[in-house]
N, C-alpha and C. Protein backbone atom coordinates (compact mmCIF):
# COMPACT_ATOMS: atom_id res chain seq x y z
N UNK A 1 -14.86 -62.43 28.76
CA UNK A 1 -15.74 -61.32 28.42
C UNK A 1 -15.07 -60.03 28.89
N UNK A 2 -14.95 -59.08 27.97
CA UNK A 2 -14.31 -57.80 28.28
C UNK A 2 -15.37 -56.80 28.73
N UNK A 3 -15.21 -56.26 29.91
CA UNK A 3 -16.11 -55.22 30.41
C UNK A 3 -15.77 -53.90 29.72
N UNK A 4 -16.72 -53.40 28.97
CA UNK A 4 -16.48 -52.27 28.07
C UNK A 4 -17.44 -51.13 28.35
N UNK A 5 -16.96 -49.91 28.13
CA UNK A 5 -17.82 -48.72 28.24
C UNK A 5 -17.96 -48.08 26.87
N UNK A 6 -19.16 -47.65 26.55
CA UNK A 6 -19.41 -46.90 25.32
C UNK A 6 -19.29 -45.41 25.64
N UNK A 7 -18.58 -44.70 24.80
CA UNK A 7 -18.40 -43.26 24.99
C UNK A 7 -18.98 -42.58 23.75
N UNK A 8 -20.08 -41.89 23.95
CA UNK A 8 -20.80 -41.27 22.85
C UNK A 8 -22.02 -42.11 22.53
N UNK A 9 -23.20 -41.58 22.83
CA UNK A 9 -24.43 -42.34 22.60
C UNK A 9 -25.36 -41.63 21.62
N UNK A 10 -24.76 -41.15 20.53
CA UNK A 10 -25.55 -40.70 19.40
C UNK A 10 -26.02 -41.95 18.65
N UNK A 11 -26.53 -41.77 17.43
CA UNK A 11 -27.08 -42.94 16.73
C UNK A 11 -26.03 -44.00 16.47
N UNK A 12 -24.77 -43.60 16.16
CA UNK A 12 -23.75 -44.61 15.88
C UNK A 12 -23.30 -45.32 17.16
N UNK A 13 -23.17 -44.59 18.25
CA UNK A 13 -22.81 -45.24 19.51
C UNK A 13 -23.86 -46.27 19.92
N UNK A 14 -25.13 -45.91 19.75
CA UNK A 14 -26.21 -46.86 20.05
C UNK A 14 -26.13 -48.07 19.12
N UNK A 15 -25.81 -47.83 17.87
CA UNK A 15 -25.69 -48.92 16.90
C UNK A 15 -24.57 -49.88 17.31
N UNK A 16 -23.45 -49.33 17.78
CA UNK A 16 -22.35 -50.19 18.22
C UNK A 16 -22.76 -51.05 19.40
N UNK A 17 -23.49 -50.47 20.35
CA UNK A 17 -23.97 -51.23 21.50
C UNK A 17 -24.88 -52.36 21.03
N UNK A 18 -25.82 -52.03 20.17
CA UNK A 18 -26.75 -53.05 19.66
C UNK A 18 -26.03 -54.14 18.87
N UNK A 19 -25.04 -53.75 18.10
CA UNK A 19 -24.31 -54.71 17.27
C UNK A 19 -23.51 -55.69 18.11
N UNK A 20 -23.08 -55.27 19.28
CA UNK A 20 -22.27 -56.13 20.13
C UNK A 20 -23.10 -56.91 21.15
N UNK A 21 -24.42 -56.73 21.12
CA UNK A 21 -25.27 -57.34 22.14
C UNK A 21 -25.13 -58.85 22.22
N UNK A 22 -24.92 -59.50 21.09
CA UNK A 22 -24.81 -60.96 21.10
C UNK A 22 -23.37 -61.44 21.09
N UNK A 23 -22.44 -60.52 21.27
CA UNK A 23 -21.03 -60.88 21.25
C UNK A 23 -20.67 -61.70 22.49
N UNK A 24 -19.89 -62.69 22.27
CA UNK A 24 -19.37 -63.44 23.40
C UNK A 24 -18.03 -62.90 23.85
N UNK A 25 -17.61 -61.79 23.25
CA UNK A 25 -16.29 -61.22 23.52
C UNK A 25 -16.31 -60.02 24.46
N UNK A 26 -17.37 -59.20 24.34
CA UNK A 26 -17.43 -58.01 25.18
C UNK A 26 -18.86 -57.75 25.61
N UNK A 27 -18.97 -56.99 26.67
CA UNK A 27 -20.30 -56.54 27.12
C UNK A 27 -20.14 -55.09 27.59
N UNK A 28 -21.16 -54.29 27.26
CA UNK A 28 -21.15 -52.90 27.71
C UNK A 28 -21.68 -52.83 29.13
N UNK A 29 -20.84 -52.33 30.02
CA UNK A 29 -21.19 -52.26 31.43
C UNK A 29 -21.39 -50.82 31.91
N UNK A 30 -21.10 -49.85 31.04
CA UNK A 30 -21.25 -48.44 31.41
C UNK A 30 -21.22 -47.60 30.14
N UNK A 31 -21.63 -46.35 30.28
CA UNK A 31 -21.60 -45.44 29.15
C UNK A 31 -21.45 -44.01 29.63
N UNK A 32 -21.05 -43.16 28.70
CA UNK A 32 -20.98 -41.72 28.98
C UNK A 32 -21.22 -41.00 27.66
N UNK A 33 -21.86 -39.86 27.75
CA UNK A 33 -22.13 -39.06 26.56
C UNK A 33 -22.23 -37.59 26.97
N UNK A 34 -21.96 -36.70 26.03
CA UNK A 34 -21.99 -35.27 26.36
C UNK A 34 -23.39 -34.79 26.70
N UNK A 35 -24.38 -35.29 25.98
CA UNK A 35 -25.75 -34.82 26.17
C UNK A 35 -26.63 -35.98 26.60
N UNK A 36 -27.06 -35.94 27.84
CA UNK A 36 -27.93 -36.99 28.37
C UNK A 36 -29.37 -36.54 28.21
N UNK A 37 -30.11 -37.29 27.41
CA UNK A 37 -31.52 -37.01 27.15
C UNK A 37 -32.34 -38.17 27.72
N UNK A 38 -33.64 -38.01 27.83
CA UNK A 38 -34.47 -39.15 28.25
C UNK A 38 -34.31 -40.36 27.34
N UNK A 39 -34.13 -40.12 26.03
CA UNK A 39 -33.91 -41.21 25.09
C UNK A 39 -32.62 -41.96 25.42
N UNK A 40 -31.54 -41.24 25.72
CA UNK A 40 -30.26 -41.86 26.07
C UNK A 40 -30.39 -42.64 27.38
N UNK A 41 -31.06 -42.04 28.36
CA UNK A 41 -31.27 -42.74 29.63
C UNK A 41 -32.06 -44.03 29.43
N UNK A 42 -33.09 -43.96 28.61
CA UNK A 42 -33.90 -45.15 28.33
C UNK A 42 -33.07 -46.21 27.61
N UNK A 43 -32.26 -45.79 26.65
CA UNK A 43 -31.41 -46.72 25.91
C UNK A 43 -30.45 -47.44 26.86
N UNK A 44 -29.79 -46.68 27.72
CA UNK A 44 -28.85 -47.28 28.68
C UNK A 44 -29.57 -48.27 29.60
N UNK A 45 -30.72 -47.89 30.07
CA UNK A 45 -31.49 -48.76 30.96
C UNK A 45 -31.89 -50.06 30.23
N UNK A 46 -32.39 -49.93 29.00
CA UNK A 46 -32.78 -51.12 28.22
C UNK A 46 -31.61 -52.05 27.96
N UNK A 47 -30.41 -51.47 27.86
CA UNK A 47 -29.23 -52.26 27.58
C UNK A 47 -28.44 -52.64 28.83
N UNK A 48 -29.00 -52.30 29.97
CA UNK A 48 -28.46 -52.79 31.24
C UNK A 48 -27.16 -52.18 31.72
N UNK A 49 -26.93 -50.90 31.39
CA UNK A 49 -25.72 -50.28 31.92
C UNK A 49 -26.02 -48.87 32.44
N UNK A 50 -25.28 -48.45 33.45
CA UNK A 50 -25.46 -47.09 33.99
C UNK A 50 -24.70 -46.07 33.15
N UNK A 51 -25.13 -44.83 33.26
CA UNK A 51 -24.42 -43.72 32.63
C UNK A 51 -23.52 -43.06 33.66
N UNK A 52 -22.26 -42.92 33.31
CA UNK A 52 -21.31 -42.23 34.18
C UNK A 52 -21.46 -40.72 33.98
N UNK A 53 -21.00 -39.97 34.96
CA UNK A 53 -21.10 -38.51 34.88
C UNK A 53 -20.30 -37.95 33.72
N UNK A 54 -19.17 -38.59 33.38
CA UNK A 54 -18.31 -38.09 32.31
C UNK A 54 -17.27 -39.15 31.95
N UNK A 55 -16.46 -38.84 30.97
CA UNK A 55 -15.43 -39.77 30.50
C UNK A 55 -14.41 -40.07 31.59
N UNK A 56 -14.02 -39.06 32.34
CA UNK A 56 -13.05 -39.27 33.42
C UNK A 56 -13.57 -40.29 34.44
N UNK A 57 -14.86 -40.26 34.72
CA UNK A 57 -15.44 -41.22 35.67
C UNK A 57 -15.35 -42.64 35.12
N UNK A 58 -15.54 -42.81 33.83
CA UNK A 58 -15.39 -44.14 33.22
C UNK A 58 -13.95 -44.63 33.35
N UNK A 59 -13.02 -43.74 33.07
CA UNK A 59 -11.62 -44.13 33.13
C UNK A 59 -11.18 -44.46 34.55
N UNK A 60 -11.81 -43.85 35.53
CA UNK A 60 -11.46 -44.12 36.93
C UNK A 60 -12.07 -45.43 37.44
N UNK A 61 -13.02 -45.97 36.73
CA UNK A 61 -13.70 -47.19 37.15
C UNK A 61 -12.82 -48.40 36.84
N UNK A 62 -12.31 -49.04 37.86
CA UNK A 62 -11.36 -50.15 37.68
C UNK A 62 -12.00 -51.39 37.08
N UNK A 63 -13.34 -51.48 37.11
CA UNK A 63 -14.00 -52.66 36.55
C UNK A 63 -14.11 -52.58 35.02
N UNK A 64 -13.89 -51.41 34.46
CA UNK A 64 -13.97 -51.23 33.02
C UNK A 64 -12.60 -51.50 32.42
N UNK A 65 -12.57 -52.45 31.47
CA UNK A 65 -11.31 -52.86 30.85
C UNK A 65 -11.04 -52.17 29.52
N UNK A 66 -12.11 -51.71 28.86
CA UNK A 66 -11.95 -51.12 27.53
C UNK A 66 -13.00 -50.05 27.30
N UNK A 67 -12.69 -49.15 26.37
CA UNK A 67 -13.66 -48.14 25.97
C UNK A 67 -13.84 -48.19 24.45
N UNK A 68 -15.07 -47.91 24.02
CA UNK A 68 -15.39 -47.79 22.61
C UNK A 68 -15.74 -46.32 22.39
N UNK A 69 -14.99 -45.67 21.51
CA UNK A 69 -15.18 -44.24 21.28
C UNK A 69 -16.02 -44.00 20.02
N UNK A 70 -17.22 -43.50 20.23
CA UNK A 70 -18.11 -43.09 19.14
C UNK A 70 -18.38 -41.60 19.32
N UNK A 71 -17.31 -40.87 19.35
CA UNK A 71 -17.32 -39.45 19.69
C UNK A 71 -16.83 -38.63 18.50
N UNK A 72 -16.97 -37.30 18.55
CA UNK A 72 -16.43 -36.49 17.47
C UNK A 72 -14.93 -36.73 17.29
N UNK A 73 -14.50 -36.83 16.04
CA UNK A 73 -13.10 -37.18 15.78
C UNK A 73 -12.12 -36.14 16.31
N UNK A 74 -12.58 -34.93 16.53
CA UNK A 74 -11.69 -33.92 17.10
C UNK A 74 -11.29 -34.26 18.54
N UNK A 75 -12.01 -35.18 19.16
CA UNK A 75 -11.73 -35.57 20.55
C UNK A 75 -10.91 -36.85 20.65
N UNK A 76 -10.77 -37.59 19.56
CA UNK A 76 -10.19 -38.93 19.61
C UNK A 76 -8.78 -38.99 20.19
N UNK A 77 -7.88 -38.15 19.74
CA UNK A 77 -6.49 -38.24 20.20
C UNK A 77 -6.41 -38.12 21.72
N UNK A 78 -7.03 -37.11 22.27
CA UNK A 78 -7.00 -36.92 23.72
C UNK A 78 -7.67 -38.06 24.47
N UNK A 79 -8.77 -38.55 23.92
CA UNK A 79 -9.48 -39.65 24.59
C UNK A 79 -8.68 -40.95 24.53
N UNK A 80 -8.04 -41.22 23.42
CA UNK A 80 -7.21 -42.44 23.33
C UNK A 80 -6.05 -42.35 24.31
N UNK A 81 -5.40 -41.21 24.34
CA UNK A 81 -4.26 -41.03 25.26
C UNK A 81 -4.71 -41.19 26.71
N UNK A 82 -5.84 -40.59 27.05
CA UNK A 82 -6.36 -40.69 28.43
C UNK A 82 -6.71 -42.14 28.77
N UNK A 83 -7.33 -42.85 27.83
CA UNK A 83 -7.70 -44.24 28.09
C UNK A 83 -6.45 -45.10 28.27
N UNK A 84 -5.47 -44.92 27.40
CA UNK A 84 -4.24 -45.69 27.51
C UNK A 84 -3.55 -45.41 28.85
N UNK A 85 -3.51 -44.15 29.21
CA UNK A 85 -2.89 -43.77 30.49
C UNK A 85 -3.60 -44.43 31.67
N UNK A 86 -4.91 -44.63 31.53
CA UNK A 86 -5.70 -45.29 32.58
C UNK A 86 -5.65 -46.82 32.46
N UNK A 87 -4.91 -47.34 31.47
CA UNK A 87 -4.78 -48.78 31.31
C UNK A 87 -5.95 -49.46 30.63
N UNK A 88 -6.72 -48.69 29.87
CA UNK A 88 -7.89 -49.24 29.17
C UNK A 88 -7.56 -49.53 27.71
N UNK A 89 -8.06 -50.64 27.19
CA UNK A 89 -7.99 -50.93 25.77
C UNK A 89 -8.97 -49.99 25.06
N UNK A 90 -8.74 -49.72 23.77
CA UNK A 90 -9.55 -48.72 23.06
C UNK A 90 -9.96 -49.24 21.69
N UNK A 91 -11.25 -49.06 21.37
CA UNK A 91 -11.73 -49.18 20.00
C UNK A 91 -12.19 -47.78 19.63
N UNK A 92 -11.63 -47.26 18.56
CA UNK A 92 -11.92 -45.88 18.14
C UNK A 92 -12.51 -45.88 16.75
N UNK A 93 -13.65 -45.21 16.60
CA UNK A 93 -14.26 -45.09 15.28
C UNK A 93 -13.42 -44.17 14.41
N UNK A 94 -13.59 -44.30 13.10
CA UNK A 94 -12.88 -43.46 12.15
C UNK A 94 -13.53 -42.08 12.07
N UNK A 95 -12.85 -41.08 11.64
CA UNK A 95 -11.41 -41.05 11.45
C UNK A 95 -10.70 -41.05 12.80
N UNK A 96 -9.52 -41.64 12.82
CA UNK A 96 -8.79 -41.83 14.06
C UNK A 96 -8.43 -40.50 14.71
N UNK A 97 -7.73 -39.65 13.99
CA UNK A 97 -7.34 -38.34 14.52
C UNK A 97 -7.38 -37.32 13.38
N UNK A 98 -7.11 -36.08 13.72
CA UNK A 98 -7.14 -35.02 12.71
C UNK A 98 -5.79 -34.82 12.02
N UNK A 99 -4.71 -35.20 12.71
CA UNK A 99 -3.38 -35.00 12.13
C UNK A 99 -2.50 -36.21 12.37
N UNK A 100 -1.45 -36.30 11.59
CA UNK A 100 -0.47 -37.38 11.76
C UNK A 100 0.18 -37.28 13.14
N UNK A 101 0.49 -36.08 13.58
CA UNK A 101 1.13 -35.90 14.90
C UNK A 101 0.22 -36.40 16.02
N UNK A 102 -1.08 -36.12 15.92
CA UNK A 102 -2.02 -36.63 16.94
C UNK A 102 -2.07 -38.15 16.92
N UNK A 103 -2.10 -38.72 15.73
CA UNK A 103 -2.13 -40.18 15.60
C UNK A 103 -0.88 -40.80 16.22
N UNK A 104 0.26 -40.22 15.92
CA UNK A 104 1.52 -40.73 16.47
C UNK A 104 1.54 -40.64 17.99
N UNK A 105 1.04 -39.55 18.55
CA UNK A 105 1.00 -39.39 20.01
C UNK A 105 0.06 -40.41 20.64
N UNK A 106 -1.09 -40.62 20.02
CA UNK A 106 -2.05 -41.60 20.55
C UNK A 106 -1.47 -43.01 20.49
N UNK A 107 -0.86 -43.38 19.38
CA UNK A 107 -0.27 -44.71 19.24
C UNK A 107 0.88 -44.88 20.24
N UNK A 108 1.68 -43.85 20.43
CA UNK A 108 2.78 -43.93 21.40
C UNK A 108 2.24 -44.18 22.81
N UNK A 109 1.15 -43.52 23.17
CA UNK A 109 0.55 -43.71 24.50
C UNK A 109 0.04 -45.14 24.66
N UNK A 110 -0.58 -45.67 23.61
CA UNK A 110 -1.11 -47.04 23.64
C UNK A 110 0.04 -48.04 23.80
N UNK A 111 1.10 -47.83 23.04
CA UNK A 111 2.26 -48.74 23.13
C UNK A 111 2.90 -48.67 24.51
N UNK A 112 3.05 -47.47 25.02
CA UNK A 112 3.67 -47.30 26.34
C UNK A 112 2.85 -48.01 27.42
N UNK A 113 1.52 -47.96 27.30
CA UNK A 113 0.64 -48.58 28.30
C UNK A 113 0.42 -50.07 28.06
N UNK A 114 0.90 -50.57 26.92
CA UNK A 114 0.72 -52.00 26.56
C UNK A 114 -0.76 -52.38 26.52
N UNK A 115 -1.57 -51.51 25.93
CA UNK A 115 -2.99 -51.82 25.74
C UNK A 115 -3.24 -51.94 24.23
N UNK A 116 -4.38 -52.49 23.90
CA UNK A 116 -4.74 -52.71 22.50
C UNK A 116 -5.54 -51.53 21.96
N UNK A 117 -5.25 -51.15 20.72
CA UNK A 117 -5.99 -50.11 20.02
C UNK A 117 -6.59 -50.71 18.77
N UNK A 118 -7.91 -50.59 18.63
CA UNK A 118 -8.59 -51.03 17.42
C UNK A 118 -9.23 -49.84 16.75
N UNK A 119 -9.24 -49.85 15.40
CA UNK A 119 -9.82 -48.76 14.65
C UNK A 119 -10.97 -49.25 13.80
N UNK A 120 -12.05 -48.48 13.78
CA UNK A 120 -13.22 -48.82 13.00
C UNK A 120 -13.10 -48.35 11.57
N UNK A 121 -12.19 -48.96 10.84
CA UNK A 121 -12.01 -48.61 9.43
C UNK A 121 -11.82 -49.90 8.66
N UNK A 122 -12.91 -50.41 8.11
CA UNK A 122 -12.84 -51.74 7.50
C UNK A 122 -12.52 -51.74 6.01
N UNK A 123 -12.32 -50.61 5.39
CA UNK A 123 -11.99 -50.62 3.96
C UNK A 123 -10.61 -51.21 3.71
N UNK A 124 -9.80 -51.33 4.74
CA UNK A 124 -8.46 -51.88 4.54
C UNK A 124 -8.50 -53.31 4.02
N UNK A 125 -9.65 -53.98 4.13
CA UNK A 125 -9.78 -55.35 3.65
C UNK A 125 -10.33 -55.43 2.23
N UNK A 126 -10.70 -54.32 1.64
CA UNK A 126 -11.24 -54.34 0.29
C UNK A 126 -10.15 -54.73 -0.71
N UNK A 127 -10.54 -55.37 -1.80
CA UNK A 127 -9.55 -55.80 -2.79
C UNK A 127 -8.67 -54.65 -3.30
N UNK A 128 -9.26 -53.47 -3.47
CA UNK A 128 -8.49 -52.33 -3.97
C UNK A 128 -7.41 -51.92 -2.96
N UNK A 129 -7.73 -51.96 -1.68
CA UNK A 129 -6.75 -51.59 -0.66
C UNK A 129 -5.65 -52.64 -0.57
N UNK A 130 -6.02 -53.90 -0.75
CA UNK A 130 -5.04 -54.99 -0.75
C UNK A 130 -4.06 -54.80 -1.90
N UNK A 131 -4.58 -54.43 -3.07
CA UNK A 131 -3.72 -54.19 -4.23
C UNK A 131 -2.75 -53.03 -3.95
N UNK A 132 -3.24 -51.97 -3.31
CA UNK A 132 -2.35 -50.86 -2.96
C UNK A 132 -1.17 -51.35 -2.13
N UNK A 133 -1.48 -52.17 -1.12
CA UNK A 133 -0.42 -52.67 -0.24
C UNK A 133 0.48 -53.66 -0.96
N UNK A 134 -0.13 -54.66 -1.59
CA UNK A 134 0.65 -55.74 -2.21
C UNK A 134 1.56 -55.23 -3.32
N UNK A 135 1.06 -54.29 -4.11
CA UNK A 135 1.84 -53.76 -5.23
C UNK A 135 2.65 -52.53 -4.83
N UNK A 136 2.58 -52.16 -3.55
CA UNK A 136 3.31 -51.01 -3.01
C UNK A 136 3.07 -49.74 -3.84
N UNK A 137 1.79 -49.50 -4.10
CA UNK A 137 1.39 -48.32 -4.87
C UNK A 137 1.22 -47.15 -3.91
N UNK A 138 1.80 -46.03 -4.25
CA UNK A 138 1.65 -44.81 -3.44
C UNK A 138 0.17 -44.41 -3.46
N UNK A 139 -0.43 -44.33 -2.29
CA UNK A 139 -1.86 -44.01 -2.18
C UNK A 139 -2.20 -42.65 -2.78
N UNK A 140 -1.23 -41.75 -2.88
CA UNK A 140 -1.48 -40.41 -3.42
C UNK A 140 -1.11 -40.28 -4.89
N UNK A 141 -0.63 -41.38 -5.50
CA UNK A 141 -0.34 -41.37 -6.93
C UNK A 141 -1.66 -41.46 -7.70
N UNK A 142 -1.65 -41.16 -8.99
CA UNK A 142 -2.90 -41.30 -9.75
C UNK A 142 -3.51 -42.70 -9.64
N UNK A 143 -2.70 -43.74 -9.72
CA UNK A 143 -3.21 -45.11 -9.59
C UNK A 143 -3.76 -45.36 -8.19
N UNK A 144 -3.06 -44.86 -7.17
CA UNK A 144 -3.52 -45.02 -5.79
C UNK A 144 -4.85 -44.33 -5.55
N UNK A 145 -4.99 -43.13 -6.06
CA UNK A 145 -6.24 -42.38 -5.92
C UNK A 145 -7.36 -43.11 -6.64
N UNK A 146 -7.08 -43.63 -7.84
CA UNK A 146 -8.09 -44.38 -8.59
C UNK A 146 -8.54 -45.62 -7.81
N UNK A 147 -7.60 -46.35 -7.22
CA UNK A 147 -7.95 -47.55 -6.46
C UNK A 147 -8.77 -47.21 -5.21
N UNK A 148 -8.36 -46.17 -4.50
CA UNK A 148 -9.12 -45.78 -3.31
C UNK A 148 -10.53 -45.38 -3.66
N UNK A 149 -10.68 -44.61 -4.74
CA UNK A 149 -12.01 -44.18 -5.16
C UNK A 149 -12.84 -45.37 -5.64
N UNK A 150 -12.21 -46.34 -6.27
CA UNK A 150 -12.93 -47.54 -6.73
C UNK A 150 -13.52 -48.29 -5.54
N UNK A 151 -12.77 -48.36 -4.45
CA UNK A 151 -13.28 -49.04 -3.25
C UNK A 151 -14.51 -48.32 -2.69
N UNK A 152 -14.41 -47.00 -2.61
CA UNK A 152 -15.53 -46.21 -2.11
C UNK A 152 -16.74 -46.36 -3.03
N UNK A 153 -16.50 -46.27 -4.34
CA UNK A 153 -17.59 -46.37 -5.31
C UNK A 153 -18.28 -47.73 -5.25
N UNK A 154 -17.49 -48.79 -5.06
CA UNK A 154 -18.05 -50.13 -5.03
C UNK A 154 -19.01 -50.28 -3.84
N UNK A 155 -18.61 -49.76 -2.67
CA UNK A 155 -19.46 -49.85 -1.49
C UNK A 155 -20.67 -48.93 -1.65
N UNK A 156 -20.46 -47.74 -2.18
CA UNK A 156 -21.57 -46.80 -2.38
C UNK A 156 -22.62 -47.40 -3.32
N UNK A 157 -22.17 -48.05 -4.38
CA UNK A 157 -23.09 -48.68 -5.33
C UNK A 157 -23.88 -49.80 -4.65
N UNK A 158 -23.20 -50.60 -3.85
CA UNK A 158 -23.89 -51.68 -3.12
C UNK A 158 -24.93 -51.11 -2.16
N UNK A 159 -24.56 -50.04 -1.45
CA UNK A 159 -25.51 -49.39 -0.53
C UNK A 159 -26.71 -48.83 -1.29
N UNK A 160 -26.45 -48.23 -2.43
CA UNK A 160 -27.55 -47.67 -3.23
C UNK A 160 -28.51 -48.76 -3.68
N UNK A 161 -27.99 -49.92 -4.07
CA UNK A 161 -28.85 -51.02 -4.49
C UNK A 161 -29.77 -51.45 -3.35
N UNK A 162 -29.21 -51.55 -2.13
CA UNK A 162 -30.01 -51.93 -0.97
C UNK A 162 -31.03 -50.84 -0.65
N UNK A 163 -30.58 -49.59 -0.70
CA UNK A 163 -31.47 -48.46 -0.39
C UNK A 163 -32.67 -48.45 -1.34
N UNK A 164 -32.42 -48.60 -2.62
CA UNK A 164 -33.51 -48.59 -3.61
C UNK A 164 -34.42 -49.79 -3.40
N UNK A 165 -33.83 -50.97 -3.20
CA UNK A 165 -34.64 -52.18 -3.02
C UNK A 165 -35.52 -52.09 -1.78
N UNK A 166 -35.03 -51.42 -0.75
CA UNK A 166 -35.77 -51.30 0.51
C UNK A 166 -36.69 -50.08 0.53
N UNK A 167 -36.51 -49.16 -0.44
CA UNK A 167 -37.37 -47.98 -0.52
C UNK A 167 -37.05 -46.90 0.49
N UNK A 168 -35.78 -46.76 0.88
CA UNK A 168 -35.39 -45.76 1.87
C UNK A 168 -34.45 -44.73 1.25
N UNK A 169 -34.35 -43.58 1.90
CA UNK A 169 -33.44 -42.56 1.40
C UNK A 169 -32.05 -42.71 2.01
N UNK A 170 -31.92 -43.46 3.08
CA UNK A 170 -30.62 -43.69 3.72
C UNK A 170 -30.58 -45.14 4.19
N UNK A 171 -29.64 -45.89 3.70
CA UNK A 171 -29.58 -47.31 4.04
C UNK A 171 -29.47 -47.53 5.54
N UNK A 172 -28.44 -47.00 6.16
CA UNK A 172 -28.12 -47.36 7.54
C UNK A 172 -29.13 -46.85 8.55
N UNK A 173 -29.47 -45.58 8.51
CA UNK A 173 -30.36 -45.02 9.52
C UNK A 173 -31.81 -45.45 9.31
N UNK A 174 -32.30 -45.34 8.09
CA UNK A 174 -33.72 -45.57 7.87
C UNK A 174 -34.14 -47.02 8.07
N UNK A 175 -33.36 -47.95 7.54
CA UNK A 175 -33.74 -49.36 7.72
C UNK A 175 -33.73 -49.70 9.19
N UNK A 176 -32.69 -49.29 9.89
CA UNK A 176 -32.57 -49.61 11.31
C UNK A 176 -33.74 -49.04 12.10
N UNK A 177 -34.08 -47.79 11.85
CA UNK A 177 -35.11 -47.15 12.65
C UNK A 177 -36.52 -47.59 12.28
N UNK A 178 -36.75 -47.93 11.04
CA UNK A 178 -38.12 -48.23 10.63
C UNK A 178 -38.54 -49.67 10.84
N UNK A 179 -37.63 -50.61 10.72
CA UNK A 179 -38.11 -51.98 10.88
C UNK A 179 -37.30 -52.81 11.86
N UNK A 180 -36.43 -52.20 12.58
CA UNK A 180 -35.74 -52.88 13.67
C UNK A 180 -34.53 -53.70 13.28
N UNK A 181 -34.21 -53.80 11.99
CA UNK A 181 -33.01 -54.53 11.62
C UNK A 181 -31.78 -53.80 12.16
N UNK A 182 -30.77 -54.57 12.47
CA UNK A 182 -29.55 -53.99 13.05
C UNK A 182 -28.49 -53.80 11.97
N UNK A 183 -27.42 -53.14 12.34
CA UNK A 183 -26.31 -52.92 11.40
C UNK A 183 -25.78 -54.23 10.83
N UNK A 184 -25.58 -55.30 11.62
CA UNK A 184 -25.13 -56.55 10.99
C UNK A 184 -26.11 -57.07 9.94
N UNK A 185 -27.42 -56.92 10.17
CA UNK A 185 -28.41 -57.34 9.17
C UNK A 185 -28.23 -56.55 7.88
N UNK A 186 -28.08 -55.23 8.01
CA UNK A 186 -27.95 -54.37 6.85
C UNK A 186 -26.62 -54.63 6.15
N UNK A 187 -25.57 -54.85 6.95
CA UNK A 187 -24.25 -55.14 6.37
C UNK A 187 -24.32 -56.40 5.51
N UNK A 188 -25.05 -57.40 5.96
CA UNK A 188 -25.21 -58.63 5.17
C UNK A 188 -25.89 -58.32 3.83
N UNK A 189 -26.90 -57.44 3.84
CA UNK A 189 -27.56 -57.06 2.60
C UNK A 189 -26.59 -56.37 1.64
N UNK A 190 -25.77 -55.46 2.19
CA UNK A 190 -24.82 -54.73 1.36
C UNK A 190 -23.73 -55.67 0.85
N UNK A 191 -23.22 -56.56 1.71
CA UNK A 191 -22.18 -57.50 1.28
C UNK A 191 -22.66 -58.36 0.12
N UNK A 192 -23.93 -58.73 0.13
CA UNK A 192 -24.48 -59.54 -0.95
C UNK A 192 -24.44 -58.82 -2.29
N UNK A 193 -24.36 -57.48 -2.25
CA UNK A 193 -24.32 -56.69 -3.48
C UNK A 193 -22.89 -56.42 -3.97
N UNK A 194 -21.90 -56.73 -3.15
CA UNK A 194 -20.51 -56.43 -3.54
C UNK A 194 -19.96 -57.45 -4.51
């Protein structure tokens, strides 16, 4: 079991914590967020972890083996580099960084520290993305752009079908908040439409 800290406790950070609750691979043992509200404090308490004063405090905690970043993407490069420097594994939500240079610096830090970096970008497994790779199609060519857009459109259409069937204006937020289903539950509904 990997002792993990969540960084960023907006709605998506909370969703990640909830989604991993039954995981036999990791457990959230701490959290940090820019804005601590009574709702955030209650969420952390319900999920059995303390809130650290800041990101630096999480990185200094030797019992934490990994961090999950659900923070603004403008902060990702610096946070990944800091985590790697502290010897922590990192899962970073998309988009990874703002520039290629930032991405390269973050990856270099991870490699130097011999820690694992995971990215929350699952479209790479879509059939259209596989075709791009297998056929070595330039992603910026007309065919590459068409394939990338087809992947986005296919998922958007599946989400719309679930949204309409469930009677909500937003698949992910509304279903989760109104009837308690989690992201894995909703993902199963969307996958059934693909």
